[in-house]
Amino acid sequence: MSLALLALSLVALAIGPLTAAVLGKTRWSADILDGLVLVAVCGMVLVHVLPHTVAVAGWTAIVFAAAGFAMPFVAERWRRGSDAGHRALVPIVGASFGVHAFIDGAALVEHGGQAHDRFVALAVVLHRLPDGLAIWSVISVVRGATVAAWVLAVLAGFTALGFAVGGQILDITSGHWT
């Protein structure tokens, strides 16, 4: 089952460029897709992931979740301030996406067959479509289709790497920090 989830995750990431081509310039259809995925992923996080995380890691999990939610907004506000801010954010954003993709891959590994693992895996698969769509939409316009395709391929590689070593990482890390 885990391998099927990895495949679905990679397919969902690859569907992003196809979705961008189908949606074209219609903003309303992209808004509907974004809204549906946002509601589905946020619902799973709020109902299943966050309560489990608080149960395992304590209330500090709320602080980390809030920081993770706020970070993109803070970075965007900082980036608007100057061109230097934009240049400084590129490697940070690139590394963040790589780490995020790696963690997504690790989250796809069935670990102990617990029900919350399936919800996390489903959230990972669901959010890969808007990930691929957003990355393609931004990078292909700014840097071209070839660079956008390479970025998606690298993220797929990080996802596969996270999947390959995810079980070992889950085994050696404590539940509190994981």
Protein backbone atom coordinates (compact mmCIF):
# COMPACT_ATOMS: atom_id res chain seq x y z
CA MET A 1 0.00 0.00 0.00
CA SER A 2 2.84 2.42 0.80
CA LEU A 3 4.33 2.09 -2.68
CA ALA A 4 0.93 2.87 -4.20
CA LEU A 5 0.74 6.01 -2.04
CA LEU A 6 4.17 7.08 -3.24
CA ALA A 7 3.09 6.55 -6.84
CA LEU A 8 -0.13 8.53 -6.28
CA SER A 9 1.86 11.33 -4.65
CA LEU A 10 4.25 11.55 -7.60
CA VAL A 11 1.41 11.38 -10.13
CA ALA A 12 -0.45 14.15 -8.27
CA LEU A 13 2.70 16.31 -8.39
CA ALA A 14 3.03 15.66 -12.13
CA ILE A 15 -0.62 16.47 -12.75
CA GLY A 16 0.06 20.06 -11.65
CA PRO A 17 1.46 21.15 -15.02
CA LEU A 18 -1.34 19.36 -16.85
CA THR A 19 -3.89 21.09 -14.66
CA ALA A 20 -2.25 24.44 -15.38
CA ALA A 21 -2.54 23.76 -19.10
CA VAL A 22 -6.20 22.72 -18.82
CA LEU A 23 -7.14 25.61 -16.55
CA GLY A 24 -5.24 28.06 -18.71
CA LYS A 25 -5.89 31.58 -17.62
CA THR A 26 -9.25 30.95 -15.92
CA ARG A 27 -8.72 32.15 -12.38
CA TRP A 28 -12.06 30.90 -11.09
CA SER A 29 -11.30 27.23 -11.83
CA ALA A 30 -7.92 27.48 -10.11
CA ASP A 31 -9.62 29.12 -7.14
CA ILE A 32 -12.16 26.28 -6.92
CA LEU A 33 -9.41 23.64 -7.03
CA ASP A 34 -7.33 25.51 -4.46
CA GLY A 35 -10.36 25.88 -2.20
CA LEU A 36 -11.34 22.22 -2.37
CA VAL A 37 -7.83 20.99 -1.63
CA LEU A 38 -7.34 23.60 1.10
CA VAL A 39 -10.55 22.54 2.84
CA ALA A 40 -9.70 18.83 2.52
CA VAL A 41 -6.11 19.17 3.76
CA CYS A 42 -6.93 21.66 6.53
CA GLY A 43 -9.82 19.48 7.66
CA MET A 44 -7.58 16.41 7.92
CA VAL A 45 -4.88 18.39 9.71
CA LEU A 46 -7.29 19.96 12.20
CA VAL A 47 -9.37 16.84 12.85
CA HIS A 48 -6.73 14.09 12.71
CA VAL A 49 -3.12 15.25 12.53
CA LEU A 50 -2.99 18.14 15.01
CA PRO A 51 -4.91 16.37 17.82
CA HIS A 52 -2.62 13.34 17.48
CA THR A 53 0.45 15.58 17.40
CA VAL A 54 -0.66 17.40 20.55
CA ALA A 55 -1.32 14.05 22.26
CA VAL A 56 2.18 12.81 21.42
CA ALA A 57 4.27 15.99 21.57
CA GLY A 58 2.25 18.18 23.91
CA TRP A 59 1.07 21.73 23.44
CA THR A 60 4.38 22.83 21.91
CA ALA A 61 3.09 21.19 18.73
CA ILE A 62 0.58 24.05 18.44
CA VAL A 63 3.44 26.57 18.52
CA PHE A 64 5.30 24.74 15.73
CA ALA A 65 2.12 24.36 13.68
CA ALA A 66 1.35 28.08 14.03
CA ALA A 67 4.93 28.99 13.08
CA GLY A 68 4.79 26.70 10.04
CA PHE A 69 1.51 28.25 8.98
CA ALA A 70 2.73 31.84 9.47
CA MET A 71 6.19 31.44 7.90
CA PRO A 72 5.11 31.73 4.22
CA PHE A 73 3.16 34.91 4.98
CA VAL A 74 6.09 36.47 6.82
CA ALA A 75 8.50 35.49 4.04
CA GLU A 76 6.23 36.98 1.38
CA ARG A 77 5.94 40.26 3.28
CA TRP A 78 9.74 40.38 3.72
CA ARG A 79 10.32 39.56 0.05
CA ARG A 80 8.16 42.46 -1.10
CA GLY A 81 10.44 44.85 0.73
CA SER A 82 13.45 44.55 -1.56
CA ASP A 83 15.08 42.74 -4.43
CA ALA A 84 17.80 41.58 -2.02
CA GLY A 85 15.09 39.93 0.07
CA HIS A 86 13.88 38.09 -3.02
CA ARG A 87 17.39 36.83 -3.86
CA ALA A 88 17.97 35.76 -0.25
CA LEU A 89 14.71 33.80 -0.15
CA VAL A 90 15.38 31.68 -3.25
CA PRO A 91 17.82 29.22 -1.58
CA ILE A 92 15.76 29.20 1.62
CA VAL A 93 12.57 28.41 -0.26
CA GLY A 94 14.35 25.80 -2.37
CA ALA A 95 15.77 24.05 0.69
CA SER A 96 12.41 24.29 2.45
CA PHE A 97 10.62 22.66 -0.48
CA GLY A 98 13.25 19.90 -0.56
CA VAL A 99 12.89 19.20 3.17
CA HIS A 100 9.10 19.36 2.86
CA ALA A 101 9.12 16.86 -0.03
CA PHE A 102 11.46 14.58 1.94
CA ILE A 103 9.12 14.65 4.94
CA ASP A 104 6.14 14.05 2.65
CA GLY A 105 7.87 10.93 1.35
CA ALA A 106 8.60 9.72 4.88
CA ALA A 107 4.96 10.33 5.82
CA LEU A 108 3.86 7.95 3.06
CA VAL A 109 5.58 5.00 4.74
CA GLU A 110 3.15 2.87 6.69
CA HIS A 111 4.55 2.76 10.17
CA GLY A 112 2.74 0.42 12.52
CA GLY A 113 -0.45 0.51 10.44
CA GLN A 114 -2.01 3.20 12.60
CA ALA A 115 -5.12 4.94 11.28
CA HIS A 116 -3.65 8.43 11.62
CA ASP A 117 -0.81 7.37 9.33
CA ARG A 118 -3.37 6.80 6.57
CA PHE A 119 -4.91 10.24 7.11
CA VAL A 120 -1.48 11.87 6.95
CA ALA A 121 -0.66 9.92 3.79
CA LEU A 122 -3.96 10.98 2.23
CA ALA A 123 -3.27 14.61 3.13
CA VAL A 124 0.18 14.31 1.53
CA VAL A 125 -1.26 12.89 -1.68
CA LEU A 126 -4.04 15.50 -1.80
CA HIS A 127 -1.77 18.48 -1.33
CA ARG A 128 0.69 17.37 -4.01
CA LEU A 129 -1.71 18.48 -6.76
CA PRO A 130 -1.79 22.14 -5.67
CA ASP A 131 1.96 21.90 -4.94
CA GLY A 132 2.66 20.85 -8.51
CA LEU A 133 0.20 23.40 -9.88
CA ALA A 134 1.64 26.27 -7.84
CA ILE A 135 5.26 25.40 -8.52
CA TRP A 136 4.62 25.01 -12.23
CA SER A 137 2.53 28.18 -12.44
CA VAL A 138 5.17 30.32 -10.75
CA ILE A 139 8.44 28.84 -12.03
CA SER A 140 7.41 28.22 -15.64
CA VAL A 141 6.39 31.87 -16.00
CA VAL A 142 9.55 33.23 -14.37
CA ARG A 143 12.20 30.70 -15.48
CA GLY A 144 10.55 28.64 -18.23
CA ALA A 145 9.04 25.19 -18.58
CA THR A 146 12.37 23.34 -18.52
CA VAL A 147 13.42 24.79 -15.16
CA ALA A 148 9.92 24.18 -13.74
CA ALA A 149 10.06 20.55 -14.90
CA TRP A 150 13.48 20.12 -13.26
CA VAL A 151 12.22 21.61 -9.99
CA LEU A 152 9.29 19.18 -9.97
CA ALA A 153 11.62 16.29 -10.80
CA VAL A 154 13.98 17.23 -7.95
CA LEU A 155 11.04 17.45 -5.54
CA ALA A 156 9.83 14.05 -6.74
CA GLY A 157 13.34 12.74 -6.05
CA PHE A 158 13.32 14.15 -2.52
CA THR A 159 9.90 12.57 -1.98
CA ALA A 160 11.19 9.19 -3.16
CA LEU A 161 14.29 9.55 -0.96
CA GLY A 162 12.11 10.38 2.05
CA PHE A 163 9.99 7.35 1.26
CA ALA A 164 13.07 5.11 0.91
CA VAL A 165 14.58 6.07 4.26
CA GLY A 166 11.39 7.21 6.02
CA GLY A 167 10.98 3.99 7.97
CA GLN A 168 14.50 4.23 9.37
CA ILE A 169 13.98 7.88 10.29
CA LEU A 170 10.74 7.04 12.10
CA ASP A 171 12.52 4.23 13.93
CA ILE A 172 15.41 6.37 15.20
CA THR A 173 13.54 9.59 16.02
CA SER A 174 11.48 10.03 19.09
CA GLY A 175 7.73 10.41 18.71
CA HIS A 176 7.94 13.81 20.39
CA TRP A 177 10.06 15.44 17.69
CA THR A 178 8.69 13.48 14.76
